[in-house]
């Protein structure tokens, strides 16, 4: 019984709730345009955002402070040809929070 009383507080300290992710929406379009939208009733402070392509850092940018309903273009990266994945990580979000996606193909027009 004594061992259980010692073990229980240790077990409870390991079961901490995971913080929720802020509801800011980051997106990278098929042509590489990076946007962020605040679809909430809350304002969010300025933050740093890092965009990755195929898990390689592609663009570091500053997201301005966002009022409710704001949507802004953060920048543009050069997406690769073929299949690629993207991810945007913000300094305002916990490390497990990020937006990501993929595009099957990107066709280049040859003049």
N, C-alpha and C. Protein backbone atom coordinates (compact mmCIF):
# COMPACT_ATOMS: atom_id res chain seq x y z
N UNK A 1 0.82 -1.19 0.00
CA UNK A 1 0.00 0.00 0.00
C UNK A 1 0.87 1.26 0.00
N UNK A 2 1.98 1.23 0.74
CA UNK A 2 2.86 2.38 0.81
C UNK A 2 3.46 2.69 -0.56
N UNK A 3 3.81 1.64 -1.33
CA UNK A 3 4.37 1.83 -2.67
C UNK A 3 3.33 2.48 -3.58
N UNK A 4 2.08 2.12 -3.47
CA UNK A 4 1.02 2.71 -4.29
C UNK A 4 0.85 4.19 -3.98
N UNK A 5 0.94 4.58 -2.73
CA UNK A 5 0.80 5.98 -2.35
C UNK A 5 1.95 6.83 -2.87
N UNK A 6 3.13 6.25 -3.02
CA UNK A 6 4.27 6.96 -3.58
C UNK A 6 4.15 7.04 -5.10
N UNK A 7 3.70 5.96 -5.71
CA UNK A 7 3.62 5.87 -7.18
C UNK A 7 2.51 6.76 -7.75
N UNK A 8 1.39 6.88 -7.04
CA UNK A 8 0.24 7.62 -7.56
C UNK A 8 0.55 9.09 -7.86
N UNK A 9 1.22 9.86 -6.98
CA UNK A 9 1.53 11.26 -7.33
C UNK A 9 2.45 11.37 -8.54
N UNK A 10 3.38 10.42 -8.68
CA UNK A 10 4.27 10.42 -9.85
C UNK A 10 3.47 10.18 -11.10
N UNK A 11 2.56 9.23 -11.05
CA UNK A 11 1.73 8.93 -12.22
C UNK A 11 0.85 10.12 -12.59
N UNK A 12 0.26 10.78 -11.61
CA UNK A 12 -0.60 11.93 -11.88
C UNK A 12 0.19 13.09 -12.47
N UNK A 13 1.45 13.27 -12.07
CA UNK A 13 2.25 14.37 -12.61
C UNK A 13 2.62 14.12 -14.06
N UNK A 14 2.63 12.87 -14.50
CA UNK A 14 2.93 12.55 -15.90
C UNK A 14 1.72 12.75 -16.81
N UNK A 15 0.54 12.83 -16.24
CA UNK A 15 -0.70 12.94 -17.02
C UNK A 15 -1.17 14.38 -17.08
N UNK A 16 -0.33 15.26 -17.57
CA UNK A 16 -0.70 16.66 -17.69
C UNK A 16 -1.49 16.88 -18.97
N UNK A 17 -2.47 17.77 -18.95
CA UNK A 17 -3.25 18.00 -20.17
C UNK A 17 -2.39 18.65 -21.25
N UNK A 18 -2.66 18.28 -22.48
CA UNK A 18 -1.96 18.86 -23.64
C UNK A 18 -2.60 20.21 -23.93
N UNK A 19 -1.80 21.30 -24.05
CA UNK A 19 -2.41 22.61 -24.34
C UNK A 19 -3.07 22.61 -25.71
N UNK A 20 -4.14 23.36 -25.81
CA UNK A 20 -4.85 23.41 -27.09
C UNK A 20 -4.11 24.32 -28.07
N UNK A 21 -4.36 24.10 -29.33
CA UNK A 21 -3.70 24.88 -30.38
C UNK A 21 -4.51 26.14 -30.67
N UNK A 22 -3.83 27.28 -30.85
CA UNK A 22 -4.56 28.49 -31.24
C UNK A 22 -5.25 28.28 -32.59
N UNK A 23 -6.40 28.85 -32.77
CA UNK A 23 -7.15 28.61 -34.00
C UNK A 23 -6.73 29.48 -35.19
N UNK A 24 -5.48 29.87 -35.27
CA UNK A 24 -5.00 30.57 -36.46
C UNK A 24 -4.82 29.55 -37.58
N UNK A 25 -5.18 29.93 -38.78
CA UNK A 25 -5.12 29.01 -39.91
C UNK A 25 -4.02 29.45 -40.87
N UNK A 26 -2.96 28.66 -40.94
CA UNK A 26 -1.89 28.89 -41.91
C UNK A 26 -2.14 28.01 -43.12
N UNK A 27 -1.78 28.52 -44.30
CA UNK A 27 -1.98 27.74 -45.52
C UNK A 27 -0.90 28.10 -46.53
N UNK A 28 -0.47 27.11 -47.29
CA UNK A 28 0.44 27.32 -48.42
C UNK A 28 -0.30 26.84 -49.65
N UNK A 29 -0.47 27.72 -50.63
CA UNK A 29 -1.19 27.35 -51.85
C UNK A 29 -0.28 26.55 -52.78
N UNK A 30 -0.87 26.00 -53.83
CA UNK A 30 -0.09 25.20 -54.78
C UNK A 30 1.01 26.01 -55.47
N UNK A 31 0.84 27.34 -55.54
CA UNK A 31 1.88 28.18 -56.17
C UNK A 31 2.86 28.75 -55.15
N UNK A 32 2.72 28.39 -53.86
CA UNK A 32 3.68 28.78 -52.84
C UNK A 32 3.32 29.98 -51.99
N UNK A 33 2.14 30.56 -52.19
CA UNK A 33 1.72 31.71 -51.38
C UNK A 33 1.33 31.24 -49.98
N UNK A 34 1.93 31.89 -48.96
CA UNK A 34 1.68 31.52 -47.57
C UNK A 34 0.74 32.56 -46.96
N UNK A 35 -0.35 32.10 -46.37
CA UNK A 35 -1.31 33.00 -45.74
C UNK A 35 -1.59 32.54 -44.31
N UNK A 36 -2.07 33.48 -43.50
CA UNK A 36 -2.57 33.16 -42.17
C UNK A 36 -3.89 33.89 -41.99
N UNK A 37 -4.84 33.22 -41.36
CA UNK A 37 -6.16 33.80 -41.11
C UNK A 37 -6.52 33.62 -39.64
N UNK A 38 -7.15 34.65 -39.09
CA UNK A 38 -7.66 34.60 -37.73
C UNK A 38 -9.18 34.54 -37.83
N UNK A 39 -9.72 33.34 -37.74
CA UNK A 39 -11.17 33.15 -37.87
C UNK A 39 -11.85 33.09 -36.51
N UNK A 40 -11.30 33.83 -35.55
CA UNK A 40 -11.86 33.80 -34.20
C UNK A 40 -12.32 35.20 -33.78
N UNK A 41 -12.83 35.28 -32.57
CA UNK A 41 -13.23 36.57 -32.00
C UNK A 41 -12.11 37.18 -31.16
N UNK A 42 -10.94 36.54 -31.14
CA UNK A 42 -9.80 37.02 -30.33
C UNK A 42 -8.72 37.61 -31.21
N UNK A 43 -7.94 38.53 -30.65
CA UNK A 43 -6.77 39.07 -31.33
C UNK A 43 -5.55 38.23 -30.96
N UNK A 44 -4.57 38.18 -31.86
CA UNK A 44 -3.33 37.43 -31.62
C UNK A 44 -2.14 38.34 -31.88
N UNK A 45 -1.08 38.21 -31.06
CA UNK A 45 0.09 39.08 -31.23
C UNK A 45 0.95 38.68 -32.43
N UNK A 46 1.88 39.56 -32.77
CA UNK A 46 2.84 39.27 -33.82
C UNK A 46 3.59 37.99 -33.46
N UNK A 47 3.95 37.21 -34.48
CA UNK A 47 4.67 35.96 -34.22
C UNK A 47 5.61 35.67 -35.38
N UNK A 48 6.53 34.76 -35.14
CA UNK A 48 7.41 34.28 -36.20
C UNK A 48 6.79 33.02 -36.78
N UNK A 49 6.91 32.85 -38.09
CA UNK A 49 6.39 31.65 -38.74
C UNK A 49 7.48 31.07 -39.63
N UNK A 50 7.63 29.76 -39.59
CA UNK A 50 8.61 29.07 -40.43
C UNK A 50 7.85 28.11 -41.34
N UNK A 51 8.07 28.27 -42.65
CA UNK A 51 7.45 27.39 -43.63
C UNK A 51 8.47 26.35 -44.08
N UNK A 52 8.04 25.11 -44.16
CA UNK A 52 8.88 24.00 -44.59
C UNK A 52 8.31 23.40 -45.86
N UNK A 53 9.19 22.97 -46.75
CA UNK A 53 8.79 22.21 -47.93
C UNK A 53 9.57 20.91 -47.88
N UNK A 54 8.85 19.80 -47.90
CA UNK A 54 9.46 18.47 -47.78
C UNK A 54 10.37 18.39 -46.55
N UNK A 55 9.91 18.97 -45.44
CA UNK A 55 10.60 18.98 -44.15
C UNK A 55 11.91 19.76 -44.15
N UNK A 56 12.13 20.61 -45.12
CA UNK A 56 13.31 21.47 -45.19
C UNK A 56 12.85 22.91 -45.02
N UNK A 57 13.47 23.69 -44.11
CA UNK A 57 13.06 25.10 -43.95
C UNK A 57 13.14 25.84 -45.28
N UNK A 58 12.05 26.51 -45.64
CA UNK A 58 11.97 27.19 -46.93
C UNK A 58 11.83 28.70 -46.79
N UNK A 59 11.15 29.17 -45.74
CA UNK A 59 10.93 30.61 -45.59
C UNK A 59 10.60 30.92 -44.14
N UNK A 60 11.35 31.87 -43.56
CA UNK A 60 11.03 32.39 -42.23
C UNK A 60 10.41 33.77 -42.45
N UNK A 61 9.31 34.03 -41.76
CA UNK A 61 8.61 35.29 -41.96
C UNK A 61 7.97 35.74 -40.64
N UNK A 62 7.54 36.97 -40.60
CA UNK A 62 6.86 37.52 -39.43
C UNK A 62 5.38 37.66 -39.75
N UNK A 63 4.56 37.06 -38.91
CA UNK A 63 3.12 37.23 -39.02
C UNK A 63 2.74 38.42 -38.16
N UNK A 64 2.07 39.42 -38.72
CA UNK A 64 1.70 40.59 -37.92
C UNK A 64 0.65 40.24 -36.88
N UNK A 65 0.44 41.14 -35.95
CA UNK A 65 -0.67 40.97 -35.00
C UNK A 65 -1.96 40.88 -35.81
N UNK A 66 -2.82 39.97 -35.42
CA UNK A 66 -4.06 39.75 -36.17
C UNK A 66 -5.29 40.04 -35.34
N UNK A 67 -6.14 40.91 -35.85
CA UNK A 67 -7.43 41.19 -35.23
C UNK A 67 -8.42 40.12 -35.69
N UNK A 68 -9.54 39.99 -35.02
CA UNK A 68 -10.54 39.01 -35.44
C UNK A 68 -10.92 39.20 -36.92
N UNK A 69 -10.93 38.12 -37.66
CA UNK A 69 -11.31 38.16 -39.07
C UNK A 69 -10.20 38.51 -40.04
N UNK A 70 -9.03 38.91 -39.54
CA UNK A 70 -7.92 39.28 -40.44
C UNK A 70 -7.38 38.07 -41.20
N UNK A 71 -6.97 38.31 -42.43
CA UNK A 71 -6.25 37.32 -43.23
C UNK A 71 -5.16 38.07 -43.99
N UNK A 72 -3.92 37.60 -43.91
CA UNK A 72 -2.81 38.28 -44.57
C UNK A 72 -1.93 37.29 -45.30
N UNK A 73 -1.28 37.79 -46.36
CA UNK A 73 -0.28 37.01 -47.09
C UNK A 73 1.05 37.25 -46.39
N UNK A 74 1.73 36.17 -46.02
CA UNK A 74 2.99 36.27 -45.30
C UNK A 74 4.20 36.26 -46.23
N UNK A 75 4.04 35.69 -47.39
CA UNK A 75 5.16 35.61 -48.32
C UNK A 75 4.91 34.53 -49.36
N UNK A 76 5.95 34.26 -50.13
CA UNK A 76 5.82 33.26 -51.19
C UNK A 76 7.10 32.46 -51.26
N UNK A 77 6.96 31.17 -51.40
CA UNK A 77 8.11 30.31 -51.58
C UNK A 77 8.02 29.64 -52.95
N UNK A 78 9.13 29.09 -53.41
CA UNK A 78 9.16 28.43 -54.72
C UNK A 78 8.92 26.94 -54.51
N UNK A 79 7.72 26.46 -54.84
CA UNK A 79 7.45 25.04 -54.63
C UNK A 79 8.18 24.18 -55.67
N UNK A 80 8.58 22.99 -55.28
CA UNK A 80 9.26 22.11 -56.23
C UNK A 80 8.27 21.48 -57.21
N UNK A 81 8.80 20.95 -58.30
CA UNK A 81 7.96 20.21 -59.25
C UNK A 81 7.63 18.85 -58.63
N UNK A 82 6.54 18.27 -59.05
CA UNK A 82 6.16 16.95 -58.57
C UNK A 82 5.41 17.02 -57.25
N UNK A 83 5.44 15.94 -56.53
CA UNK A 83 4.76 15.82 -55.25
C UNK A 83 5.57 16.51 -54.17
N UNK A 84 4.91 17.30 -53.33
CA UNK A 84 5.60 17.96 -52.22
C UNK A 84 4.66 18.19 -51.07
N UNK A 85 5.24 18.30 -49.88
CA UNK A 85 4.47 18.55 -48.68
C UNK A 85 4.92 19.87 -48.07
N UNK A 86 4.02 20.52 -47.36
CA UNK A 86 4.35 21.78 -46.69
C UNK A 86 3.91 21.71 -45.24
N UNK A 87 4.54 22.56 -44.44
CA UNK A 87 4.19 22.69 -43.03
C UNK A 87 4.55 24.11 -42.61
N UNK A 88 3.71 24.75 -41.80
CA UNK A 88 4.00 26.06 -41.24
C UNK A 88 3.91 25.95 -39.72
N UNK A 89 4.98 26.38 -39.05
CA UNK A 89 5.06 26.35 -37.59
C UNK A 89 5.17 27.79 -37.11
N UNK A 90 4.38 28.14 -36.10
CA UNK A 90 4.36 29.50 -35.56
C UNK A 90 4.95 29.53 -34.16
N UNK A 91 5.63 30.62 -33.84
CA UNK A 91 6.18 30.78 -32.50
C UNK A 91 5.09 30.97 -31.45
N UNK A 92 3.87 31.29 -31.87
CA UNK A 92 2.75 31.49 -30.95
C UNK A 92 2.04 30.19 -30.60
N UNK A 93 2.40 29.11 -31.27
CA UNK A 93 1.71 27.84 -31.05
C UNK A 93 2.62 26.86 -30.33
N UNK A 94 2.05 25.98 -29.52
CA UNK A 94 2.86 24.93 -28.91
C UNK A 94 3.51 24.07 -30.00
N UNK A 95 4.62 23.40 -29.66
CA UNK A 95 5.38 22.70 -30.70
C UNK A 95 4.61 21.60 -31.42
N UNK A 96 3.56 21.06 -30.80
CA UNK A 96 2.79 20.02 -31.47
C UNK A 96 1.71 20.60 -32.40
N UNK A 97 1.58 21.92 -32.45
CA UNK A 97 0.57 22.57 -33.28
C UNK A 97 1.21 23.13 -34.55
N UNK A 98 0.74 22.72 -35.67
CA UNK A 98 1.17 23.28 -36.95
C UNK A 98 0.17 22.89 -38.02
N UNK A 99 0.19 23.62 -39.11
CA UNK A 99 -0.66 23.27 -40.25
C UNK A 99 0.23 22.65 -41.32
N UNK A 100 -0.32 21.72 -42.05
CA UNK A 100 0.46 21.07 -43.10
C UNK A 100 -0.48 20.59 -44.20
N UNK A 101 0.11 20.25 -45.33
CA UNK A 101 -0.66 19.74 -46.45
C UNK A 101 0.28 19.25 -47.53
N UNK A 102 -0.28 18.85 -48.64
CA UNK A 102 0.54 18.35 -49.74
C UNK A 102 -0.14 18.63 -51.06
N UNK A 103 0.65 18.60 -52.08
CA UNK A 103 0.13 18.77 -53.45
C UNK A 103 0.68 17.63 -54.29
N UNK A 104 -0.20 17.00 -55.07
CA UNK A 104 0.27 15.85 -55.85
C UNK A 104 1.22 16.25 -56.98
N UNK A 105 0.89 17.28 -57.73
CA UNK A 105 1.75 17.67 -58.86
C UNK A 105 1.69 19.16 -59.07
N UNK A 106 2.74 19.70 -59.56
CA UNK A 106 2.79 21.11 -59.96
C UNK A 106 3.37 21.13 -61.37
N UNK A 107 2.60 21.60 -62.31
CA UNK A 107 3.03 21.61 -63.70
C UNK A 107 3.67 22.96 -64.03
N UNK A 108 4.82 22.91 -64.66
CA UNK A 108 5.48 24.13 -65.09
C UNK A 108 5.17 24.37 -66.56
N UNK A 109 4.78 25.60 -66.87
CA UNK A 109 4.45 25.96 -68.24
C UNK A 109 5.76 26.35 -68.94
N UNK A 110 6.03 25.68 -70.03
CA UNK A 110 7.25 25.98 -70.80
C UNK A 110 6.84 26.84 -71.99
N UNK A 111 7.43 28.05 -72.08
CA UNK A 111 7.02 28.95 -73.19
C UNK A 111 7.48 28.44 -74.54
